[in-house]
Amino acid sequence: MKLQPRDLLRKSEAIYRELGLGQHEFSNAEIIALMIEHPDLIQRPIVERGNRAVLGRPTENVKSLL
């Protein structure tokens, strides 16, 4: 997908604000650990086809896999 973990965060979630993810510097490893602990933080859907994957929003991303 060529995205950084921060690119997959759902910024509208309450837990995003509670954890201060928009205000503090977190390493990629820290962000991944937080996404594992709080799956609601992850943008979805992530669509896979073969060896490619895209974030399903906007829908044009999915169309690019077809």
C-alpha atoms as a PDB file:
ATOM      1  CA  MET A   1       0.000   0.000   0.000  1.00  0.00           C
ATOM      2  CA  LYS A   2       3.017   2.273   0.437  1.00  0.00           C
ATOM      3  CA  LEU A   3       1.346   4.078   3.343  1.00  0.00           C
ATOM      4  CA  GLN A   4       2.757   4.953   6.727  1.00  0.00           C
ATOM      5  CA  PRO A   5       0.889   3.578   9.777  1.00  0.00           C
ATOM      6  CA  ARG A   6      -0.259   7.120  10.612  1.00  0.00           C
ATOM      7  CA  ASP A   7      -1.987   7.255   7.192  1.00  0.00           C
ATOM      8  CA  LEU A   8      -4.263   4.402   8.289  1.00  0.00           C
ATOM      9  CA  LEU A   9      -5.546   6.107  11.438  1.00  0.00           C
ATOM     10  CA  ARG A  10      -9.185   7.126  11.767  1.00  0.00           C
ATOM     11  CA  LYS A  11      -8.846  10.642  13.092  1.00  0.00           C
ATOM     12  CA  SER A  12     -12.555  10.976  13.892  1.00  0.00           C
ATOM     13  CA  GLU A  13     -12.498   8.242  16.549  1.00  0.00           C
ATOM     14  CA  ALA A  14     -12.758   9.281  20.207  1.00  0.00           C
ATOM     15  CA  ILE A  15      -9.830   6.996  21.085  1.00  0.00           C
ATOM     16  CA  TYR A  16      -7.652   8.944  18.620  1.00  0.00           C
ATOM     17  CA  ARG A  17      -8.293  12.103  20.619  1.00  0.00           C
ATOM     18  CA  GLU A  18      -8.028  10.335  23.994  1.00  0.00           C
ATOM     19  CA  LEU A  19      -4.596   8.964  23.129  1.00  0.00           C
ATOM     20  CA  GLY A  20      -3.442  12.338  21.813  1.00  0.00           C
ATOM     21  CA  LEU A  21      -2.419  10.862  18.480  1.00  0.00           C
ATOM     22  CA  GLY A  22      -2.868  14.191  16.736  1.00  0.00           C
ATOM     23  CA  GLN A  23      -0.774  16.103  19.242  1.00  0.00           C
ATOM     24  CA  HIS A  24       2.208  13.876  19.965  1.00  0.00           C
ATOM     25  CA  GLU A  25       4.968  12.306  17.955  1.00  0.00           C
ATOM     26  CA  PHE A  26       4.626   8.515  17.885  1.00  0.00           C
ATOM     27  CA  SER A  27       6.922   6.073  16.145  1.00  0.00           C
ATOM     28  CA  ASN A  28       5.524   3.709  13.514  1.00  0.00           C
ATOM     29  CA  ALA A  29       5.968   0.829  15.966  1.00  0.00           C
ATOM     30  CA  GLU A  30       4.016   2.696  18.649  1.00  0.00           C
ATOM     31  CA  ILE A  31       1.189   3.497  16.225  1.00  0.00           C
ATOM     32  CA  ILE A  32       0.994  -0.134  15.081  1.00  0.00           C
ATOM     33  CA  ALA A  33       0.880  -1.313  18.708  1.00  0.00           C
ATOM     34  CA  LEU A  34      -1.965   1.129  19.399  1.00  0.00           C
ATOM     35  CA  MET A  35      -3.860  -0.074  16.303  1.00  0.00           C
ATOM     36  CA  ILE A  36      -3.536  -3.659  17.549  1.00  0.00           C
ATOM     37  CA  GLU A  37      -4.813  -2.646  20.975  1.00  0.00           C
ATOM     38  CA  HIS A  38      -7.563  -0.382  19.539  1.00  0.00           C
ATOM     39  CA  PRO A  39      -8.697  -1.745  16.131  1.00  0.00           C
ATOM     40  CA  ASP A  40     -11.246   1.082  15.819  1.00  0.00           C
ATOM     41  CA  LEU A  41      -8.284   3.318  14.973  1.00  0.00           C
ATOM     42  CA  ILE A  42      -7.742   1.548  11.630  1.00  0.00           C
ATOM     43  CA  GLN A  43      -9.250   2.966   8.441  1.00  0.00           C
ATOM     44  CA  ARG A  44     -11.262   0.368   6.594  1.00  0.00           C
ATOM     45  CA  PRO A  45     -11.915  -1.389   4.422  1.00  0.00           C
ATOM     46  CA  ILE A  46      -8.513  -2.450   3.188  1.00  0.00           C
ATOM     47  CA  VAL A  47      -9.039  -4.355  -0.054  1.00  0.00           C
ATOM     48  CA  GLU A  48      -6.525  -6.891  -1.368  1.00  0.00           C
ATOM     49  CA  ARG A  49      -6.176  -8.383  -4.818  1.00  0.00           C
ATOM     50  CA  GLY A  50      -3.188 -10.512  -5.612  1.00  0.00           C
ATOM     51  CA  ASN A  51      -0.099  -8.800  -4.276  1.00  0.00           C
ATOM     52  CA  ARG A  52      -1.725  -5.353  -4.083  1.00  0.00           C
ATOM     53  CA  ALA A  53      -3.815  -3.708  -1.389  1.00  0.00           C
ATOM     54  CA  VAL A  54      -5.592  -0.354  -1.199  1.00  0.00           C
ATOM     55  CA  LEU A  55      -7.554   1.591   1.332  1.00  0.00           C
ATOM     56  CA  GLY A  56     -11.196   1.290   0.243  1.00  0.00           C
ATOM     57  CA  ARG A  57     -11.914   4.993   0.638  1.00  0.00           C
ATOM     58  CA  PRO A  58     -12.483   6.645  -1.700  1.00  0.00           C
ATOM     59  CA  THR A  59     -14.067   3.926  -3.826  1.00  0.00           C
ATOM     60  CA  GLU A  60     -11.887   4.922  -6.773  1.00  0.00           C
ATOM     61  CA  ASN A  61      -9.026   3.206  -4.947  1.00  0.00           C
ATOM     62  CA  VAL A  62     -10.853  -0.123  -5.181  1.00  0.00           C
ATOM     63  CA  LYS A  63     -11.669   0.438  -8.844  1.00  0.00           C
ATOM     64  CA  SER A  64      -7.943   0.775  -9.518  1.00  0.00           C
ATOM     65  CA  LEU A  65      -7.531  -2.881  -8.457  1.00  0.00           C
ATOM     66  CA  LEU A  66     -10.065  -4.160 -10.985  1.00  0.00           C
END
